[in-house]
Amino acid sequence: MNLLDRYCSNVDALDYDDFSKNTRIKIPDNFNFGYDVVDEYAKLTPNKIALVWCNDEGEEKIITFGELKTLSDKVCNILLSHNLKKGDFIMTMLGRRYEYWIIATACHKLGVVLVPATFLLTAKDIEYRCNNADVKLLFVTNQNEVTKHVLEAVPNCNKLQAVYTHGDVDGMLNFTKILEQTTADFTSPWQTQNDDMFLVYFTSGTTGEPKMVAHKYLYPLGHIITAKFWQDVVDDGLHLTMAESGWAKCSWGRIYGQWISGTAIFVYDYFGRFTPTDILPMIEKYKVTTFCAPPTIYRFLIKEDLSKYDFSSLTHCSTAGEPLNPEVSKEFTKATGLEIYEGFGQTESSVLLGTYKFLQIKQGSMGKPSPIYDIYLADNNENEVLDGETGEICIKMRDNQLGLLYKYHKDEERTFNTFGSGVYHTGDLATKDSDGYYWFVGRKDDIIKSSGYRIGPFEVESALHEHPAVLECAITGAPDPLRGQVVKATIVLAKGYSPSDELTKELQNHVKKATAPYKYPRIVEYVSELPKTISGKIIRKEIAARDNKK
């Protein structure tokens, strides 16, 4: 059984029109994900599986909702032992450790604000986050590189009381032992409210210092659309989203909407370099039913012989995080028989646009708007543009808007600039076709202006990805004295290809045939890797900045 009907009307919508007009989220007076979802399952079906976890060392752990209730109640008592109050902050750097889901549930029950952070942070990053969020407790994975950075940062973290890890590390508390010794007899000394702060993400910070994205207690309900209608998770199924616990994609695909919808979560825990094909035998072994990964993963998978693997348990595949090149989707479907359903959103939101399970796929399109958002494409004056014209993806704010951040914590100016007009600006550009499908153009500040033309990088990148020589690429504008800017392609080549003038000419001609000729890259640079954020997104600005200094 699942809890969907309690929180969502029209869960059996059969087409987009019905879904868009009639699907609504039911908002309780005081929704608490820890009590109303986790503990409710523990009461109704205690043996229902919540989490299937394994790691690269052969360990495995299966946690039911009954066990999750007991474990999270113990963590609540640990938090209270440090005199934490509702509204205090704790931070996790647990990677894909199963403890994350226990600690997150406890925070949500108690009203302690959770700050999920990646284990890739350096000491400087940790210090910045702890001090800006007034973090009082830190829970980290027991890996030498991680604990080294944490211990270096701790003396400079002003409000930090203690650091926990799973094991014995000097200067840290042993979470595993303390959890075993702690009672599960727990009663919360206060009640949470819908408007309380629930969770804060630091953005990955491609420009300037990371900002704190704050969500309210209703945030998990927004992800019903993400899980049920976009990822098409099934009751008592097993869903795999490729994300570690420090990224917002974990909230999208590894806890909230999935558990409300009744599916268990599969987690493969590894540390160090990841080979995308490592996950393929596990899909077969554990009978994963639904799968979501960023385009980068799919780009690597299609370069392998996928006929070696059994995908028979999989019923649905999806992608988000960056645009999916149509050629990648075509090749994956050809190899597996499974189509990839694209979606779009941000750290600040749940899924905004999606190719939902009942929509026909238009390869390269992000799909159509979620019914919980009023989305349109706007010009610089917030006026709606015509179909086929490029505009910024914007949201007209509703009263008690679900799924979207409610403020940038400790940044009143940014919050006012974001919401002051009643319109939320994503900063991403798109077009809409006559069927209502949205097509990504690029970040507003990534647009290339060449000889009077405005060129979005994504279309050129998609054309290049159709060529077998291209593994990854980034399109940027390079300075030019005559044209202002020219299109530049920075390319990582696939196995078996080497840079040459002949290959450059071949790639340029390929783009001329695949898209408007004026969009072809006049400059082509071959590199071994592209600059990326710690969340894996390509930093085009870094390439452009380097070229502007030349």
Protein backbone atom coordinates (compact mmCIF):
# COMPACT_ATOMS: atom_id res chain seq x y z
CA MET A 1 0.00 0.00 0.00
CA ASN A 2 0.99 3.63 -0.42
CA LEU A 3 -0.10 6.99 0.98
CA LEU A 4 -0.67 8.76 -2.32
CA ASP A 5 -4.43 9.12 -2.06
CA ARG A 6 -4.05 10.99 1.24
CA TYR A 7 -2.00 13.72 -0.36
CA CYS A 8 -2.84 13.77 -4.06
CA SER A 9 -6.07 13.80 -6.05
CA ASN A 10 -6.37 12.23 -9.50
CA VAL A 11 -3.40 9.86 -9.06
CA ASP A 12 -4.70 7.75 -11.96
CA ALA A 13 -4.69 10.56 -14.54
CA LEU A 14 -4.41 9.01 -17.99
CA ASP A 15 -3.44 12.01 -20.12
CA TYR A 16 -1.77 15.37 -19.72
CA ASP A 17 -4.95 17.41 -20.07
CA ASP A 18 -6.62 15.55 -17.19
CA PHE A 19 -3.38 15.64 -15.17
CA SER A 20 -2.90 19.37 -15.68
CA LYS A 21 -6.48 20.38 -14.89
CA ASN A 22 -7.44 17.96 -12.11
CA THR A 23 -4.35 16.79 -10.22
CA ARG A 24 -4.00 18.65 -6.93
CA ILE A 25 -1.88 18.20 -3.81
CA LYS A 26 -3.87 17.99 -0.58
CA ILE A 27 -2.22 20.08 2.14
CA PRO A 28 -2.76 19.01 5.79
CA ASP A 29 -2.79 21.57 8.58
CA ASN A 30 0.57 20.37 9.93
CA PHE A 31 2.42 18.03 7.60
CA ASN A 32 5.51 16.32 9.00
CA PHE A 33 7.19 13.87 6.63
CA GLY A 34 8.81 11.95 9.49
CA TYR A 35 5.57 11.23 11.32
CA ASP A 36 3.00 11.34 8.52
CA VAL A 37 4.92 9.20 6.04
CA VAL A 38 7.71 7.18 7.70
CA ASP A 39 5.96 6.49 11.02
CA GLU A 40 2.61 6.00 9.31
CA TYR A 41 4.06 3.24 7.13
CA ALA A 42 5.70 1.80 10.26
CA LYS A 43 2.25 1.62 11.87
CA LEU A 44 0.31 0.32 8.87
CA THR A 45 2.88 -1.93 7.15
CA PRO A 46 6.00 -2.16 9.33
CA ASN A 47 7.66 -4.74 7.08
CA LYS A 48 7.35 -2.58 3.95
CA ILE A 49 10.86 -1.99 2.57
CA ALA A 50 12.09 1.60 2.65
CA LEU A 51 15.73 1.25 1.62
CA VAL A 52 17.93 -1.34 -0.12
CA TRP A 53 21.59 -0.42 0.35
CA CYS A 54 24.82 -2.05 -0.78
CA ASN A 55 28.37 -0.84 -1.27
CA ASP A 56 31.46 -1.56 -3.35
CA GLU A 57 32.87 -3.74 -0.57
CA GLY A 58 30.05 -6.29 -0.77
CA GLU A 59 28.09 -5.12 2.28
CA GLU A 60 24.29 -5.01 2.09
CA LYS A 61 21.55 -3.62 4.30
CA ILE A 62 17.76 -3.64 3.89
CA ILE A 63 15.77 -1.28 6.13
CA THR A 64 12.00 -1.50 6.61
CA PHE A 65 9.79 1.38 7.65
CA GLY A 66 9.33 -0.27 11.04
CA GLU A 67 13.10 -0.31 11.54
CA LEU A 68 13.42 3.21 10.18
CA LYS A 69 10.97 4.53 12.78
CA THR A 70 12.96 2.96 15.61
CA LEU A 71 16.33 4.13 14.31
CA SER A 72 15.16 7.68 13.59
CA ASP A 73 13.61 7.95 17.07
CA LYS A 74 16.99 7.02 18.50
CA VAL A 75 18.64 9.77 16.44
CA CYS A 76 16.05 12.25 17.74
CA ASN A 77 17.24 11.44 21.25
CA ILE A 78 20.87 11.92 20.18
CA LEU A 79 20.01 15.35 18.79
CA LEU A 80 18.17 16.27 21.99
CA SER A 81 21.18 15.17 24.05
CA HIS A 82 23.03 18.11 22.47
CA ASN A 83 20.21 20.47 23.50
CA LEU A 84 19.19 21.10 19.90
CA LYS A 85 15.95 23.00 19.45
CA LYS A 86 13.47 23.39 16.63
CA GLY A 87 15.12 25.57 13.97
CA ASP A 88 18.70 24.60 14.85
CA PHE A 89 20.89 23.36 11.98
CA ILE A 90 22.80 20.12 11.44
CA MET A 91 24.82 19.22 8.34
CA THR A 92 25.49 15.84 6.73
CA MET A 93 28.38 14.77 4.48
CA LEU A 94 27.42 11.13 4.24
CA GLY A 95 27.66 10.44 0.53
CA ARG A 96 25.56 7.36 -0.10
CA ARG A 97 25.73 5.91 3.43
CA TYR A 98 22.39 4.52 4.65
CA GLU A 99 22.70 6.60 7.83
CA TYR A 100 21.66 9.66 5.82
CA TRP A 101 18.05 8.48 5.49
CA ILE A 102 17.84 7.74 9.23
CA ILE A 103 19.28 11.12 10.23
CA ALA A 104 17.15 13.02 7.70
CA THR A 105 13.99 11.39 9.04
CA ALA A 106 14.97 12.29 12.61
CA CYS A 107 15.62 15.92 11.71
CA HIS A 108 12.23 16.19 10.02
CA LYS A 109 10.44 14.74 13.04
CA LEU A 110 12.17 17.05 15.48
CA GLY A 111 12.11 20.28 13.49
CA VAL A 112 15.90 20.47 13.20
CA VAL A 113 16.90 21.99 9.85
CA LEU A 114 18.82 19.58 7.65
CA VAL A 115 21.71 20.81 5.49
CA PRO A 116 22.71 17.99 3.10
CA ALA A 117 26.22 18.56 1.73
CA THR A 118 28.46 16.59 -0.58
CA PHE A 119 31.39 14.63 0.84
CA LEU A 120 33.58 16.33 -1.83
CA LEU A 121 33.79 19.58 0.16
CA THR A 122 37.19 20.89 1.15
CA ALA A 123 38.00 22.35 4.57
CA LYS A 124 37.30 25.87 3.27
CA ASP A 125 33.90 24.75 1.92
CA ILE A 126 32.98 23.07 5.19
CA GLU A 127 33.98 26.08 7.26
CA TYR A 128 31.95 28.41 5.00
CA ARG A 129 28.80 26.29 5.24
CA CYS A 130 29.02 25.59 8.95
CA ASN A 131 29.47 29.26 9.83
CA ASN A 132 26.88 30.63 7.43
CA ALA A 133 24.23 28.14 8.57
CA ASP A 134 25.28 28.11 12.27
CA VAL A 135 25.65 24.33 12.08
CA LYS A 136 25.71 22.67 15.51
CA LEU A 137 26.28 19.00 14.59
CA LEU A 138 28.03 17.43 11.62
CA PHE A 139 27.57 13.81 10.43
CA VAL A 140 30.23 12.59 7.97
CA THR A 141 31.24 9.47 6.10
CA ASN A 142 34.27 7.66 7.48
CA GLN A 143 36.66 8.10 4.57
CA ASN A 144 40.19 9.39 5.04
CA GLU A 145 39.90 12.23 2.55
CA VAL A 146 36.61 13.39 4.08
CA THR A 147 37.61 13.18 7.73
CA LYS A 148 40.89 14.96 6.96
CA HIS A 149 39.06 17.98 5.52
CA VAL A 150 36.50 17.96 8.33
CA LEU A 151 39.09 17.88 11.11
CA GLU A 152 40.97 20.72 9.43
CA ALA A 153 37.79 22.82 9.33
CA VAL A 154 36.42 22.07 12.81
CA PRO A 155 38.53 24.58 14.81
CA ASN A 156 37.15 27.38 12.61
CA CYS A 157 33.47 26.34 12.81
CA ASN A 158 32.08 28.71 15.42
CA LYS A 159 28.84 26.98 16.54
CA LEU A 160 29.83 23.34 15.90
CA GLN A 161 29.44 21.16 19.00
CA ALA A 162 30.45 17.72 17.69
CA VAL A 163 31.19 15.59 14.64
CA TYR A 164 29.80 12.07 14.23
CA THR A 165 31.01 9.33 11.92
CA HIS A 166 30.43 5.58 11.53
CA GLY A 167 33.54 4.18 13.19
CA ASP A 168 36.44 5.20 15.40
CA VAL A 169 38.16 8.42 14.32
CA ASP A 170 40.11 10.64 16.70
CA GLY A 171 38.24 13.88 17.31
CA MET A 172 34.88 12.43 16.24
CA LEU A 173 32.07 10.56 17.99
CA ASN A 174 31.28 6.98 16.94
CA PHE A 175 27.74 7.25 15.59
CA THR A 176 27.27 3.48 15.23
CA LYS A 177 28.10 2.73 18.89
CA ILE A 178 26.13 5.66 20.29
CA LEU A 179 23.09 4.76 18.16
CA GLU A 180 23.14 1.20 19.56
CA GLN A 181 23.29 2.51 23.13
CA THR A 182 20.52 5.11 22.72
CA THR A 183 16.91 4.42 23.65
CA ALA A 184 14.16 4.53 21.04
CA ASP A 185 11.70 5.88 23.62
CA PHE A 186 11.08 9.30 22.12
CA THR A 187 8.42 11.99 22.35
CA SER A 188 8.99 15.32 20.64
CA PRO A 189 8.91 18.32 23.00
CA TRP A 190 7.29 20.50 20.31
CA GLN A 191 5.30 20.39 17.08
CA THR A 192 6.44 21.50 13.65
CA GLN A 193 4.37 23.80 11.43
CA ASN A 194 3.96 23.89 7.66
CA ASP A 195 5.79 27.23 7.48
CA ASP A 196 8.80 26.06 9.52
CA MET A 197 12.15 25.75 7.77
CA PHE A 198 12.63 22.13 6.72
CA LEU A 199 15.81 21.86 4.71
CA VAL A 200 18.53 24.11 3.28
CA TYR A 201 20.71 23.42 0.26
CA PHE A 202 23.83 25.36 -0.60
CA THR A 203 23.91 25.82 -4.37
CA SER A 204 27.01 24.57 -6.14
CA GLY A 205 28.22 28.11 -6.69
CA THR A 206 29.29 28.38 -10.34
CA THR A 207 29.24 32.16 -9.83
CA GLY A 208 30.21 33.70 -6.49
CA GLU A 209 29.79 32.06 -3.11
CA PRO A 210 27.08 29.40 -2.72
CA LYS A 211 23.71 30.69 -1.54
CA MET A 212 21.36 28.97 0.92
CA VAL A 213 18.14 27.70 -0.65
CA ALA A 214 15.51 27.24 2.07
CA HIS A 215 12.46 24.96 1.79
CA LYS A 216 9.43 24.65 4.10
CA TYR A 217 7.87 21.55 5.63
CA LEU A 218 5.52 21.14 2.66
CA TYR A 219 8.46 20.62 0.29
CA PRO A 220 8.16 16.78 0.19
CA LEU A 221 4.56 17.03 -1.08
CA GLY A 222 5.76 18.89 -4.17
CA HIS A 223 7.83 15.85 -5.09
CA ILE A 224 4.74 13.68 -5.51
CA ILE A 225 4.65 15.07 -9.05
CA THR A 226 8.36 14.29 -9.46
CA ALA A 227 8.10 10.67 -8.36
CA LYS A 228 4.63 9.45 -9.30
CA PHE A 229 4.02 11.25 -12.57
CA TRP A 230 7.50 11.92 -13.99
CA GLN A 231 9.66 9.05 -12.69
CA ASP A 232 6.62 6.72 -12.75
CA VAL A 233 7.61 4.91 -9.56
CA VAL A 234 5.42 1.98 -8.53
CA ASP A 235 4.12 0.79 -5.17
CA ASP A 236 6.52 -1.78 -3.66
CA GLY A 237 8.91 -1.19 -6.54
CA LEU A 238 12.59 -0.28 -6.27
CA HIS A 239 13.72 3.11 -7.55
CA LEU A 240 17.29 4.11 -8.36
CA THR A 241 18.29 7.74 -8.79
CA MET A 242 21.99 8.33 -9.42
CA ALA A 243 22.78 11.02 -6.86
CA GLU A 244 24.58 11.21 -3.55
CA SER A 245 22.85 12.60 -0.49
CA GLY A 246 24.52 16.01 -0.69
CA TRP A 247 22.68 17.13 -3.83
CA ALA A 248 19.12 18.31 -4.35
CA LYS A 249 18.70 15.46 -6.85
CA CYS A 250 18.61 13.18 -3.79
CA SER A 251 15.50 15.02 -2.58
CA TRP A 252 14.12 14.69 -6.10
CA GLY A 253 14.75 10.98 -6.44
CA ARG A 254 15.78 9.23 -3.24
CA ILE A 255 13.37 9.96 -0.43
CA TYR A 256 10.29 12.21 -0.44
CA GLY A 257 8.03 11.61 -3.41
CA GLN A 258 9.26 8.04 -3.71
CA TRP A 259 8.32 7.03 -0.16
CA ILE A 260 4.97 8.83 -0.31
CA SER A 261 4.31 6.85 -3.51
CA GLY A 262 5.21 3.58 -1.77
CA THR A 263 8.37 2.59 -3.63
CA ALA A 264 11.58 1.50 -1.94
CA ILE A 265 14.87 3.27 -2.72
CA PHE A 266 17.96 1.49 -4.02
CA VAL A 267 21.35 2.92 -3.08
CA TYR A 268 24.74 1.75 -4.33
CA ASP A 269 27.42 3.24 -2.09
CA TYR A 270 30.88 3.70 -3.55
CA PHE A 271 33.78 5.98 -2.82
CA GLY A 272 36.15 7.25 -5.45
CA ARG A 273 35.93 7.09 -9.21
CA PHE A 274 32.67 5.70 -10.56
CA THR A 275 32.37 3.67 -13.74
CA PRO A 276 28.78 4.02 -15.01
CA THR A 277 28.58 0.37 -16.05
CA ASP A 278 29.15 -0.68 -12.42
CA ILE A 279 25.47 -0.08 -11.78
CA LEU A 280 24.19 -2.27 -14.61
CA PRO A 281 24.65 -5.71 -12.94
CA MET A 282 22.89 -4.32 -9.85
CA ILE A 283 19.81 -3.35 -11.84
CA GLU A 284 19.57 -7.02 -12.81
CA LYS A 285 20.47 -8.46 -9.36
CA TYR A 286 18.12 -6.29 -7.27
CA LYS A 287 15.34 -6.00 -9.89
CA VAL A 288 15.31 -2.20 -10.03
CA THR A 289 12.01 -1.05 -11.50
CA THR A 290 12.57 2.65 -12.20
CA PHE A 291 15.79 4.53 -12.97
CA CYS A 292 16.81 8.19 -13.10
CA ALA A 293 20.27 9.50 -13.99
CA PRO A 294 21.82 12.69 -15.38
CA PRO A 295 22.60 12.82 -19.10
CA THR A 296 26.30 12.35 -18.33
CA ILE A 297 25.58 8.79 -17.15
CA TYR A 298 23.55 7.97 -20.24
CA ARG A 299 26.30 9.44 -22.46
CA PHE A 300 28.78 6.99 -20.99
CA LEU A 301 26.37 4.04 -21.04
CA ILE A 302 25.67 4.25 -24.78
CA LYS A 303 29.40 3.89 -25.48
CA GLU A 304 29.27 0.40 -23.90
CA ASP A 305 27.81 -2.89 -25.12
CA LEU A 306 24.47 -2.77 -23.31
CA SER A 307 23.36 -6.09 -24.81
CA LYS A 308 25.39 -7.81 -22.06
CA TYR A 309 22.96 -6.63 -19.37
CA ASP A 310 19.42 -7.59 -18.38
CA PHE A 311 17.03 -4.63 -18.24
CA SER A 312 13.84 -6.70 -18.01
CA SER A 313 12.91 -5.43 -14.51
CA LEU A 314 13.07 -1.78 -15.62
CA THR A 315 9.79 -0.15 -16.57
CA HIS A 316 10.76 3.52 -16.80
CA CYS A 317 13.89 5.68 -17.26
CA SER A 318 14.18 9.44 -16.74
CA THR A 319 16.79 12.17 -16.70
CA ALA A 320 17.35 15.71 -15.39
CA GLY A 321 20.17 17.93 -14.17
CA GLU A 322 21.18 19.17 -17.60
CA PRO A 323 19.67 18.88 -21.09
CA LEU A 324 19.68 15.46 -22.77
CA ASN A 325 21.04 15.41 -26.27
CA PRO A 326 18.51 13.69 -28.59
CA GLU A 327 21.17 11.44 -30.11
CA VAL A 328 21.98 9.98 -26.68
CA SER A 329 18.30 9.19 -26.13
CA LYS A 330 18.01 7.53 -29.55
CA GLU A 331 21.06 5.32 -28.97
CA PHE A 332 19.93 4.27 -25.49
CA THR A 333 16.46 3.33 -26.74
CA LYS A 334 17.95 1.40 -29.64
CA ALA A 335 20.16 -0.60 -27.25
CA THR A 336 17.63 -1.24 -24.46
CA GLY A 337 14.13 -0.68 -25.82
CA LEU A 338 13.59 1.85 -23.03
CA GLU A 339 12.81 5.49 -23.71
CA ILE A 340 14.21 8.29 -21.55
CA TYR A 341 11.72 10.79 -20.10
CA GLU A 342 13.30 14.20 -19.62
CA GLY A 343 12.54 16.68 -16.85
CA PHE A 344 13.68 20.11 -15.76
CA GLY A 345 13.97 21.81 -12.41
CA GLN A 346 16.41 23.35 -9.97
CA THR A 347 17.77 23.08 -6.43
CA GLU A 348 15.11 25.69 -5.70
CA SER A 349 12.22 23.50 -6.93
CA SER A 350 10.66 20.13 -7.59
CA VAL A 351 10.17 19.08 -11.22
CA LEU A 352 8.98 22.16 -13.15
CA LEU A 353 8.70 20.72 -16.64
CA GLY A 354 8.52 17.05 -17.48
CA THR A 355 7.79 14.46 -20.09
CA TYR A 356 5.31 12.73 -17.81
CA LYS A 357 4.55 9.02 -18.09
CA PHE A 358 1.45 9.57 -20.29
CA LEU A 359 3.08 12.13 -22.62
CA GLN A 360 4.47 11.26 -26.03
CA ILE A 361 8.21 11.87 -26.00
CA LYS A 362 9.63 14.52 -28.28
CA GLN A 363 13.34 13.81 -28.15
CA GLY A 364 15.23 16.86 -26.93
CA SER A 365 12.18 18.43 -25.28
CA MET A 366 11.86 18.98 -21.53
CA GLY A 367 8.14 18.27 -21.72
CA LYS A 368 5.29 20.31 -20.26
CA PRO A 369 4.60 22.19 -16.98
CA SER A 370 3.80 20.53 -13.68
CA PRO A 371 0.24 21.30 -12.48
CA ILE A 372 1.54 22.77 -9.20
CA TYR A 373 3.30 25.62 -11.05
CA ASP A 374 2.08 28.45 -13.32
CA ILE A 375 4.93 28.46 -15.84
CA TYR A 376 5.42 30.71 -18.83
CA LEU A 377 8.24 32.06 -21.02
CA ALA A 378 8.96 35.75 -20.43
CA ASP A 379 10.84 38.53 -22.13
CA ASN A 380 12.99 41.00 -20.16
CA ASN A 381 9.82 42.83 -19.01
CA GLU A 382 8.13 39.65 -17.70
CA ASN A 383 5.69 39.63 -20.64
CA GLU A 384 4.88 36.27 -22.19
CA VAL A 385 6.58 35.58 -25.52
CA LEU A 386 4.93 33.93 -28.54
CA ASP A 387 5.28 30.24 -29.37
CA GLY A 388 8.61 29.64 -31.07
CA GLU A 389 10.25 32.69 -29.48
CA THR A 390 12.96 32.40 -26.85
CA GLY A 391 12.04 33.48 -23.33
CA GLU A 392 13.10 32.91 -19.73
CA ILE A 393 11.35 30.10 -17.86
CA CYS A 394 9.39 31.92 -15.15
CA ILE A 395 6.81 31.00 -12.51
CA LYS A 396 3.87 33.16 -11.48
CA MET A 397 3.76 32.64 -7.74
CA ARG A 398 0.65 31.13 -6.13
CA ASP A 399 -0.46 31.53 -2.54
CA ASN A 400 1.28 28.86 -0.47
CA GLN A 401 3.36 27.81 -3.49
CA LEU A 402 4.35 24.13 -3.22
CA GLY A 403 7.69 22.68 -4.25
CA LEU A 404 9.56 25.98 -4.53
CA LEU A 405 11.98 27.60 -2.11
CA TYR A 406 10.43 30.30 0.07
CA LYS A 407 13.60 32.32 0.65
CA TYR A 408 17.35 32.50 0.36
CA HIS A 409 18.33 32.12 3.99
CA LYS A 410 20.12 35.18 5.43
CA ASP A 411 19.86 37.00 2.10
CA GLU A 412 16.88 39.36 2.17
CA GLU A 413 18.01 41.29 -0.93
CA ARG A 414 18.25 38.17 -3.10
CA THR A 415 14.93 36.94 -1.73
CA PHE A 416 13.22 40.23 -2.57
CA ASN A 417 14.77 40.32 -6.03
CA THR A 418 13.60 36.78 -6.62
CA PHE A 419 10.00 37.13 -5.42
CA GLY A 420 9.35 40.87 -5.19
CA SER A 421 7.34 41.06 -8.42
CA GLY A 422 5.40 37.87 -7.74
CA VAL A 423 7.36 36.09 -10.49
CA TYR A 424 10.20 33.61 -9.91
CA HIS A 425 12.96 33.75 -12.54
CA THR A 426 14.86 30.52 -13.23
CA GLY A 427 17.58 32.15 -15.33
CA ASP A 428 17.10 29.47 -18.02
CA LEU A 429 15.94 30.18 -21.57
CA ALA A 430 13.63 28.00 -23.64
CA THR A 431 11.14 28.00 -26.49
CA LYS A 432 7.66 26.47 -26.56
CA ASP A 433 6.20 24.80 -29.62
CA SER A 434 2.58 24.82 -30.77
CA ASP A 435 1.92 21.53 -28.90
CA GLY A 436 2.95 23.09 -25.58
CA TYR A 437 6.32 21.30 -25.32
CA TYR A 438 9.27 23.28 -23.94
CA TRP A 439 12.74 23.18 -25.53
CA PHE A 440 15.88 24.21 -23.65
CA VAL A 441 18.04 26.94 -25.20
CA GLY A 442 20.62 27.66 -22.48
CA ARG A 443 21.35 29.64 -19.36
CA LYS A 444 20.49 33.29 -19.84
CA ASP A 445 24.12 34.30 -19.38
CA ASP A 446 25.47 31.52 -21.67
CA ILE A 447 23.88 32.90 -24.86
CA ILE A 448 26.42 33.65 -27.61
CA LYS A 449 26.00 36.87 -29.62
CA SER A 450 27.77 36.57 -32.97
CA SER A 451 27.32 38.97 -35.92
CA GLY A 452 23.84 39.90 -34.68
CA TYR A 453 22.78 36.28 -34.14
CA ARG A 454 21.82 34.92 -30.71
CA ILE A 455 23.02 31.33 -30.43
CA GLY A 456 22.11 28.97 -27.60
CA PRO A 457 24.85 26.44 -26.74
CA PHE A 458 22.58 23.43 -26.31
CA GLU A 459 21.54 23.13 -29.97
CA VAL A 460 25.16 23.09 -31.13
CA GLU A 461 26.16 20.65 -28.39
CA SER A 462 23.32 18.34 -29.44
CA ALA A 463 24.51 18.41 -33.03
CA LEU A 464 28.07 17.53 -31.98
CA HIS A 465 26.86 14.69 -29.78
CA GLU A 466 25.37 13.04 -32.85
CA HIS A 467 28.95 12.44 -34.07
CA PRO A 468 30.55 9.23 -32.69
CA ALA A 469 33.86 11.00 -32.02
CA VAL A 470 32.36 13.26 -29.34
CA LEU A 471 32.10 12.00 -25.76
CA GLU A 472 31.50 15.37 -24.08
CA CYS A 473 31.52 18.95 -25.30
CA ALA A 474 30.86 22.53 -24.21
CA ILE A 475 29.87 25.37 -26.50
CA THR A 476 30.94 28.89 -25.52
CA GLY A 477 31.46 32.27 -27.14
CA ALA A 478 35.07 33.22 -27.86
CA PRO A 479 35.98 36.89 -28.48
CA ASP A 480 36.36 37.93 -32.12
CA PRO A 481 37.25 41.44 -33.41
CA LEU A 482 34.83 41.29 -36.36
CA ARG A 483 31.87 39.26 -35.08
CA GLY A 484 32.03 40.19 -31.39
CA GLN A 485 31.96 36.50 -30.51
CA VAL A 486 32.33 33.26 -32.44
CA VAL A 487 31.13 29.81 -31.47
CA LYS A 488 33.80 27.68 -29.83
CA ALA A 489 33.56 23.94 -29.16
CA THR A 490 35.65 22.42 -26.37
CA ILE A 491 35.54 18.67 -26.91
CA VAL A 492 36.46 15.47 -25.05
CA LEU A 493 36.88 12.75 -27.65
CA ALA A 494 35.50 9.22 -27.38
CA LYS A 495 37.79 6.17 -27.27
CA GLY A 496 39.58 5.54 -30.54
CA TYR A 497 39.60 9.15 -31.78
CA SER A 498 42.52 11.59 -31.83
CA PRO A 499 42.62 15.33 -32.53
CA SER A 500 43.39 16.31 -36.11
CA ASP A 501 42.65 19.06 -38.62
CA GLU A 502 40.64 16.53 -40.63
CA LEU A 503 38.47 15.65 -37.65
CA THR A 504 37.90 19.34 -36.86
CA LYS A 505 36.71 19.97 -40.41
CA GLU A 506 34.48 16.90 -40.26
CA LEU A 507 32.87 18.06 -37.02
CA GLN A 508 32.33 21.58 -38.34
CA ASN A 509 30.65 20.27 -41.50
CA HIS A 510 28.54 17.94 -39.38
CA VAL A 511 27.17 20.87 -37.36
CA LYS A 512 26.51 22.89 -40.54
CA LYS A 513 24.31 20.05 -41.83
CA ALA A 514 22.58 19.38 -38.49
CA THR A 515 21.63 22.97 -37.68
CA ALA A 516 21.77 26.47 -39.15
CA PRO A 517 25.22 26.88 -40.80
CA TYR A 518 26.01 30.13 -38.95
CA LYS A 519 25.99 28.19 -35.66
CA TYR A 520 28.94 25.95 -36.50
CA PRO A 521 32.00 26.18 -34.19
CA ARG A 522 34.67 28.28 -35.87
CA ILE A 523 37.08 27.30 -33.07
CA VAL A 524 37.51 23.70 -31.88
CA GLU A 525 39.68 22.78 -28.89
CA TYR A 526 40.32 19.20 -27.76
CA VAL A 527 40.78 18.56 -24.05
CA SER A 528 41.05 15.55 -21.75
CA GLU A 529 38.28 16.81 -19.46
CA LEU A 530 35.86 19.70 -19.08
CA PRO A 531 35.76 22.01 -16.05
CA LYS A 532 32.83 21.03 -13.82
CA THR A 533 31.26 21.97 -10.52
CA ILE A 534 31.48 19.49 -7.68
CA SER A 535 27.94 18.48 -8.67
CA GLY A 536 29.23 17.52 -12.13
CA LYS A 537 27.80 20.38 -14.20
CA ILE A 538 29.96 21.84 -16.94
CA ILE A 539 31.26 25.33 -16.08
CA ARG A 540 31.10 27.09 -19.43
CA LYS A 541 32.01 30.39 -17.77
CA GLU A 542 35.43 29.04 -16.85
CA ILE A 543 36.17 28.22 -20.50
CA ALA A 544 34.87 31.62 -21.65
CA ALA A 545 36.82 33.50 -18.98
CA ARG A 546 40.04 31.76 -20.00
CA ASP A 547 39.45 32.67 -23.65
CA ASN A 548 38.71 36.30 -22.78
CA LYS A 549 42.10 36.61 -21.08
CA LYS A 550 44.00 35.47 -24.16
